[in-house]
C-alpha atoms as a PDB file:
ATOM      1  CA  MET A   1      17.227 -31.799 -74.018  1.00  0.00           C
ATOM      2  CA  ALA A   2      15.214 -30.116 -76.798  1.00  0.00           C
ATOM      3  CA  LEU A   3      13.371 -33.347 -77.661  1.00  0.00           C
ATOM      4  CA  CYS A   4      12.512 -33.885 -74.001  1.00  0.00           C
ATOM      5  CA  GLY A   5      11.194 -30.326 -73.689  1.00  0.00           C
ATOM      6  CA  GLU A   6       9.094 -30.745 -76.822  1.00  0.00           C
ATOM      7  CA  PHE A   7       7.704 -34.073 -75.615  1.00  0.00           C
ATOM      8  CA  HIS A   8       6.936 -32.649 -72.163  1.00  0.00           C
ATOM      9  CA  THR A   9       5.521 -29.477 -73.837  1.00  0.00           C
ATOM     10  CA  TYR A  10       8.008 -27.194 -72.036  1.00  0.00           C
ATOM     11  CA  PRO A  11      11.438 -27.475 -70.371  1.00  0.00           C
ATOM     12  CA  ALA A  12      10.239 -27.810 -66.783  1.00  0.00           C
ATOM     13  CA  PRO A  13      12.819 -27.759 -63.966  1.00  0.00           C
ATOM     14  CA  GLY A  14      12.001 -31.363 -63.037  1.00  0.00           C
ATOM     15  CA  LEU A  15      12.411 -32.455 -66.635  1.00  0.00           C
ATOM     16  CA  ILE A  16      15.849 -30.839 -66.889  1.00  0.00           C
ATOM     17  CA  ILE A  17      16.933 -32.562 -63.674  1.00  0.00           C
ATOM     18  CA  GLY A  18      15.501 -35.774 -65.131  1.00  0.00           C
ATOM     19  CA  VAL A  19      17.660 -35.433 -68.236  1.00  0.00           C
ATOM     20  CA  SER A  20      20.761 -35.195 -66.028  1.00  0.00           C
ATOM     21  CA  MET A  21      19.573 -38.238 -64.094  1.00  0.00           C
ATOM     22  CA  VAL A  22      19.066 -40.312 -67.239  1.00  0.00           C
ATOM     23  CA  GLU A  23      22.476 -39.277 -68.587  1.00  0.00           C
ATOM     24  CA  TYR A  24      24.017 -40.338 -65.263  1.00  0.00           C
ATOM     25  CA  ALA A  25      22.226 -43.696 -65.528  1.00  0.00           C
ATOM     26  CA  ARG A  26      23.536 -44.148 -69.069  1.00  0.00           C
ATOM     27  CA  GLU A  27      27.080 -43.637 -67.787  1.00  0.00           C
ATOM     28  CA  LEU A  28      26.678 -46.007 -64.827  1.00  0.00           C
ATOM     29  CA  LEU A  29      25.206 -48.827 -66.925  1.00  0.00           C
ATOM     30  CA  SER A  30      27.321 -48.043 -70.020  1.00  0.00           C
ATOM     31  CA  ILE A  31      24.123 -48.047 -72.052  1.00  0.00           C
ATOM     32  CA  ARG A  32      24.629 -48.315 -75.801  1.00  0.00           C
ATOM     33  CA  PRO A  33      22.333 -46.445 -78.228  1.00  0.00           C
ATOM     34  CA  GLY A  34      19.243 -48.506 -78.981  1.00  0.00           C
ATOM     35  CA  GLU A  35      19.838 -50.931 -76.097  1.00  0.00           C
ATOM     36  CA  LYS A  36      16.690 -52.261 -74.416  1.00  0.00           C
ATOM     37  CA  ILE A  37      16.578 -50.851 -70.874  1.00  0.00           C
ATOM     38  CA  TYR A  38      13.930 -51.206 -68.174  1.00  0.00           C
ATOM     39  CA  ALA A  39      13.041 -48.532 -65.622  1.00  0.00           C
ATOM     40  CA  VAL A  40      10.902 -48.070 -62.542  1.00  0.00           C
ATOM     41  CA  CYS A  41      10.182 -44.408 -61.842  1.00  0.00           C
ATOM     42  CA  GLU A  42       9.178 -43.351 -58.335  1.00  0.00           C
ATOM     43  CA  THR A  43       7.181 -40.285 -59.395  1.00  0.00           C
ATOM     44  CA  PRO A  44       4.688 -39.547 -62.162  1.00  0.00           C
ATOM     45  CA  LYS A  45       5.923 -35.926 -62.403  1.00  0.00           C
ATOM     46  CA  CYS A  46       8.378 -34.857 -65.152  1.00  0.00           C
ATOM     47  CA  LEU A  47      10.925 -37.631 -64.639  1.00  0.00           C
ATOM     48  CA  PRO A  48       9.129 -40.350 -66.653  1.00  0.00           C
ATOM     49  CA  ASP A  49       9.265 -38.150 -69.752  1.00  0.00           C
ATOM     50  CA  ALA A  50      13.076 -38.038 -69.714  1.00  0.00           C
ATOM     51  CA  LEU A  51      13.151 -41.846 -69.446  1.00  0.00           C
ATOM     52  CA  GLN A  52      10.708 -42.187 -72.325  1.00  0.00           C
ATOM     53  CA  VAL A  53      12.456 -39.817 -74.708  1.00  0.00           C
ATOM     54  CA  ILE A  54      16.084 -40.730 -73.986  1.00  0.00           C
ATOM     55  CA  LEU A  55      15.928 -44.444 -73.123  1.00  0.00           C
ATOM     56  CA  HIS A  56      12.675 -45.294 -74.950  1.00  0.00           C
ATOM     57  CA  CYS A  57      11.259 -46.894 -71.810  1.00  0.00           C
ATOM     58  CA  THR A  58       7.500 -46.468 -71.999  1.00  0.00           C
ATOM     59  CA  CYS A  59       4.483 -47.907 -70.248  1.00  0.00           C
ATOM     60  CA  GLY A  60       3.280 -49.000 -73.685  1.00  0.00           C
ATOM     61  CA  ASN A  61       6.343 -51.152 -74.435  1.00  0.00           C
ATOM     62  CA  ASN A  62       6.258 -52.508 -70.866  1.00  0.00           C
ATOM     63  CA  ARG A  63       9.725 -51.180 -70.077  1.00  0.00           C
ATOM     64  CA  LEU A  64       8.583 -48.389 -67.733  1.00  0.00           C
ATOM     65  CA  ARG A  65       6.661 -48.809 -64.509  1.00  0.00           C
ATOM     66  CA  ILE A  66       5.607 -45.830 -62.447  1.00  0.00           C
ATOM     67  CA  VAL A  67       5.386 -46.230 -58.693  1.00  0.00           C
ATOM     68  CA  ARG A  68       3.685 -43.271 -57.037  1.00  0.00           C
ATOM     69  CA  ALA A  69       6.160 -43.060 -54.138  1.00  0.00           C
ATOM     70  CA  GLY A  70       6.664 -39.301 -54.399  1.00  0.00           C
ATOM     71  CA  ARG A  71      10.450 -39.619 -54.582  1.00  0.00           C
ATOM     72  CA  PHE A  72      12.378 -38.058 -57.466  1.00  0.00           C
ATOM     73  CA  ALA A  73      14.191 -41.278 -58.297  1.00  0.00           C
ATOM     74  CA  PHE A  74      14.231 -44.217 -60.669  1.00  0.00           C
ATOM     75  CA  THR A  75      15.941 -47.545 -61.192  1.00  0.00           C
ATOM     76  CA  VAL A  76      17.329 -48.766 -64.490  1.00  0.00           C
ATOM     77  CA  ASN A  77      18.424 -52.240 -65.522  1.00  0.00           C
ATOM     78  CA  ARG A  78      19.024 -54.423 -68.546  1.00  0.00           C
ATOM     79  CA  ALA A  79      16.865 -57.407 -69.442  1.00  0.00           C
ATOM     80  CA  SER A  80      17.717 -60.562 -67.505  1.00  0.00           C
ATOM     81  CA  GLU A  81      16.812 -64.230 -67.709  1.00  0.00           C
ATOM     82  CA  GLU A  82      17.252 -64.454 -63.932  1.00  0.00           C
ATOM     83  CA  SER A  83      14.510 -63.659 -61.426  1.00  0.00           C
ATOM     84  CA  MET A  84      16.414 -60.512 -60.374  1.00  0.00           C
ATOM     85  CA  ALA A  85      18.276 -57.995 -62.534  1.00  0.00           C
ATOM     86  CA  ARG A  86      21.185 -55.855 -61.420  1.00  0.00           C
ATOM     87  CA  GLY A  87      20.865 -52.144 -61.985  1.00  0.00           C
ATOM     88  CA  PHE A  88      21.183 -48.720 -60.452  1.00  0.00           C
ATOM     89  CA  ARG A  89      18.844 -46.463 -58.547  1.00  0.00           C
ATOM     90  CA  ILE A  90      19.439 -42.774 -59.284  1.00  0.00           C
ATOM     91  CA  PHE A  91      18.050 -40.110 -56.968  1.00  0.00           C
ATOM     92  CA  VAL A  92      18.303 -36.434 -56.074  1.00  0.00           C
ATOM     93  CA  ASP A  93      20.426 -36.357 -52.931  1.00  0.00           C
ATOM     94  CA  GLN A  94      19.006 -33.991 -50.298  1.00  0.00           C
ATOM     95  CA  GLU A  95      22.455 -33.449 -48.746  1.00  0.00           C
ATOM     96  CA  LYS A  96      23.906 -32.383 -52.084  1.00  0.00           C
ATOM     97  CA  LEU A  97      21.005 -29.981 -52.682  1.00  0.00           C
ATOM     98  CA  LYS A  98      22.151 -27.880 -49.723  1.00  0.00           C
ATOM     99  CA  THR A  99      24.871 -26.369 -51.932  1.00  0.00           C
ATOM    100  CA  TRP A 100      22.190 -24.951 -54.228  1.00  0.00           C
ATOM    101  CA  PRO A 101      19.800 -22.779 -52.120  1.00  0.00           C
ATOM    102  CA  THR A 102      17.329 -21.823 -54.843  1.00  0.00           C
ATOM    103  CA  LEU A 103      17.126 -25.366 -56.149  1.00  0.00           C
ATOM    104  CA  LEU A 104      16.693 -26.662 -52.607  1.00  0.00           C
ATOM    105  CA  ALA A 105      13.858 -24.178 -51.953  1.00  0.00           C
ATOM    106  CA  TRP A 106      12.110 -25.175 -55.192  1.00  0.00           C
ATOM    107  CA  PHE A 107      12.671 -28.900 -54.695  1.00  0.00           C
ATOM    108  CA  THR A 108      11.397 -28.912 -51.117  1.00  0.00           C
ATOM    109  CA  HIS A 109       8.429 -26.728 -52.055  1.00  0.00           C
ATOM    110  CA  ASP A 110       9.585 -24.167 -49.498  1.00  0.00           C
ATOM    111  CA  SER A 111       7.330 -21.115 -49.191  1.00  0.00           C
ATOM    112  CA  CYS A 112      10.410 -18.892 -49.603  1.00  0.00           C
ATOM    113  CA  PHE A 113      10.636 -19.935 -53.275  1.00  0.00           C
ATOM    114  CA  ASP A 114       9.108 -17.155 -55.385  1.00  0.00           C
ATOM    115  CA  LYS A 115       8.445 -18.332 -58.910  1.00  0.00           C
ATOM    116  CA  LYS A 116       8.252 -14.758 -60.242  1.00  0.00           C
ATOM    117  CA  THR A 117      11.649 -13.661 -58.965  1.00  0.00           C
ATOM    118  CA  MET A 118      13.625 -16.891 -58.589  1.00  0.00           C
ATOM    119  CA  THR A 119      12.948 -18.909 -61.750  1.00  0.00           C
ATOM    120  CA  ASP A 120      15.979 -17.638 -63.678  1.00  0.00           C
ATOM    121  CA  ARG A 121      18.250 -18.439 -60.729  1.00  0.00           C
ATOM    122  CA  LEU A 122      16.585 -21.869 -60.399  1.00  0.00           C
ATOM    123  CA  PHE A 123      17.381 -22.801 -63.997  1.00  0.00           C
ATOM    124  CA  GLU A 124      20.912 -21.447 -63.610  1.00  0.00           C
ATOM    125  CA  GLU A 125      21.475 -23.638 -60.552  1.00  0.00           C
ATOM    126  CA  ILE A 126      19.957 -26.719 -62.200  1.00  0.00           C
ATOM    127  CA  LEU A 127      22.176 -26.363 -65.265  1.00  0.00           C
ATOM    128  CA  THR A 128      25.289 -25.596 -63.211  1.00  0.00           C
ATOM    129  CA  ALA A 129      24.662 -28.384 -60.698  1.00  0.00           C
ATOM    130  CA  GLY A 130      23.976 -31.050 -63.328  1.00  0.00           C
ATOM    131  CA  GLN A 131      24.876 -34.440 -61.877  1.00  0.00           C
ATOM    132  CA  GLN A 132      26.428 -32.927 -58.736  1.00  0.00           C
ATOM    133  CA  ILE A 133      23.056 -33.169 -56.957  1.00  0.00           C
ATOM    134  CA  LEU A 134      22.619 -36.853 -57.764  1.00  0.00           C
ATOM    135  CA  SER A 135      23.549 -40.052 -56.023  1.00  0.00           C
ATOM    136  CA  SER A 136      23.214 -43.674 -57.026  1.00  0.00           C
ATOM    137  CA  GLU A 137      23.096 -47.069 -55.433  1.00  0.00           C
ATOM    138  CA  ARG A 138      23.484 -50.534 -56.876  1.00  0.00           C
ATOM    139  CA  VAL A 139      20.220 -52.445 -56.708  1.00  0.00           C
ATOM    140  CA  ARG A 140      18.578 -55.667 -57.744  1.00  0.00           C
ATOM    141  CA  VAL A 141      15.047 -55.512 -59.106  1.00  0.00           C
ATOM    142  CA  PRO A 142      12.597 -58.347 -59.726  1.00  0.00           C
ATOM    143  CA  VAL A 143      12.187 -59.320 -63.365  1.00  0.00           C
ATOM    144  CA  HIS A 144       8.553 -59.533 -64.398  1.00  0.00           C
ATOM    145  CA  LYS A 145       8.226 -62.228 -67.040  1.00  0.00           C
ATOM    146  CA  LYS A 146       5.437 -62.051 -69.582  1.00  0.00           C
ATOM    147  CA  GLU A 147       2.461 -63.937 -68.250  1.00  0.00           C
ATOM    148  CA  TRP A 148       0.281 -66.153 -70.377  1.00  0.00           C
ATOM    149  CA  TRP A 149      -3.319 -64.997 -70.268  1.00  0.00           C
ATOM    150  CA  SER A 150      -6.684 -65.788 -71.784  1.00  0.00           C
ATOM    151  CA  THR A 151      -9.586 -63.471 -72.436  1.00  0.00           C
ATOM    152  CA  LYS A 152     -12.264 -63.276 -69.759  1.00  0.00           C
ATOM    153  CA  ILE A 153     -15.513 -61.316 -69.613  1.00  0.00           C
ATOM    154  CA  CYS A 154     -15.916 -58.987 -66.641  1.00  0.00           C
ATOM    155  CA  GLU A 155     -19.073 -59.796 -64.684  1.00  0.00           C
ATOM    156  CA  SER A 156     -19.596 -56.096 -63.926  1.00  0.00           C
ATOM    157  CA  CYS A 157     -19.060 -54.290 -67.233  1.00  0.00           C
ATOM    158  CA  GLY A 158     -19.293 -57.211 -69.660  1.00  0.00           C
ATOM    159  CA  GLN A 159     -16.101 -56.235 -71.509  1.00  0.00           C
ATOM    160  CA  MET A 160     -13.254 -58.505 -72.597  1.00  0.00           C
ATOM    161  CA  VAL A 161     -10.229 -58.331 -70.294  1.00  0.00           C
ATOM    162  CA  PRO A 162      -6.982 -60.327 -70.031  1.00  0.00           C
ATOM    163  CA  SER A 163      -7.384 -62.891 -67.247  1.00  0.00           C
ATOM    164  CA  THR A 164      -4.361 -61.433 -65.448  1.00  0.00           C
ATOM    165  CA  PHE A 165      -6.370 -58.231 -64.831  1.00  0.00           C
ATOM    166  CA  MET A 166      -9.319 -60.017 -63.248  1.00  0.00           C
ATOM    167  CA  SER A 167     -10.006 -60.623 -59.574  1.00  0.00           C
ATOM    168  CA  GLY A 168     -13.101 -62.436 -58.383  1.00  0.00           C
ATOM    169  CA  GLY A 169     -14.695 -62.215 -61.847  1.00  0.00           C
ATOM    170  CA  VAL A 170     -14.348 -58.422 -61.984  1.00  0.00           C
ATOM    171  CA  CYS A 171     -11.808 -56.417 -63.972  1.00  0.00           C
ATOM    172  CA  ALA A 172      -9.452 -53.981 -62.253  1.00  0.00           C
ATOM    173  CA  ALA A 173     -11.303 -50.960 -63.680  1.00  0.00           C
ATOM    174  CA  CYS A 174     -14.615 -52.083 -62.189  1.00  0.00           C
ATOM    175  CA  ALA A 175     -12.995 -53.067 -58.898  1.00  0.00           C
ATOM    176  CA  ASP A 176     -11.501 -49.596 -58.551  1.00  0.00           C
ATOM    177  CA  LYS A 177     -13.902 -47.487 -60.620  1.00  0.00           C
ATOM    178  CA  TYR A 178     -12.167 -44.292 -61.775  1.00  0.00           C
ATOM    179  CA  TYR A 179     -15.174 -42.978 -63.707  1.00  0.00           C
ATOM    180  CA  GLU A 180     -18.940 -42.968 -63.582  1.00  0.00           C
ATOM    181  CA  LEU A 181     -21.370 -43.163 -66.485  1.00  0.00           C
ATOM    182  CA  GLU A 182     -23.508 -40.138 -67.240  1.00  0.00           C
END
């Protein structure tokens, strides 16, 4: 937990829940230390950091994908030579949250949650609840094999880009420009 908090820069409530979720996933898959695991996280908030620190799934090593679905959930699976891999999807179960009123108010972003007066109780409920607020389901996820690529030059920016990131002669960054030059 301490390493996750340090990596995240503070022990956020979502991060602490994420640690419980990753530990639950480790139990379900019987993950051995150092084993190569793949994950798809359904939120960019807090949860990916627990996956990165504990399971060493990162975007950089291509073992973590983030899908901006807004759900506090992820799937985990082992590598597979098949086109689909068996794994588990772990999620915060809204029915189980009902037992924990402060946690439910925080999690649902209810206006009754007062950060100034309820934070201590929130952390108490998170730590007490642990895995009791979680559910899982067996899933199959598509295995994305490494694609062969060649270098192409983007017609818009003139920079070298792997061919797999090009569409119609333009790189993904130019097609969906996220910045503008000054």
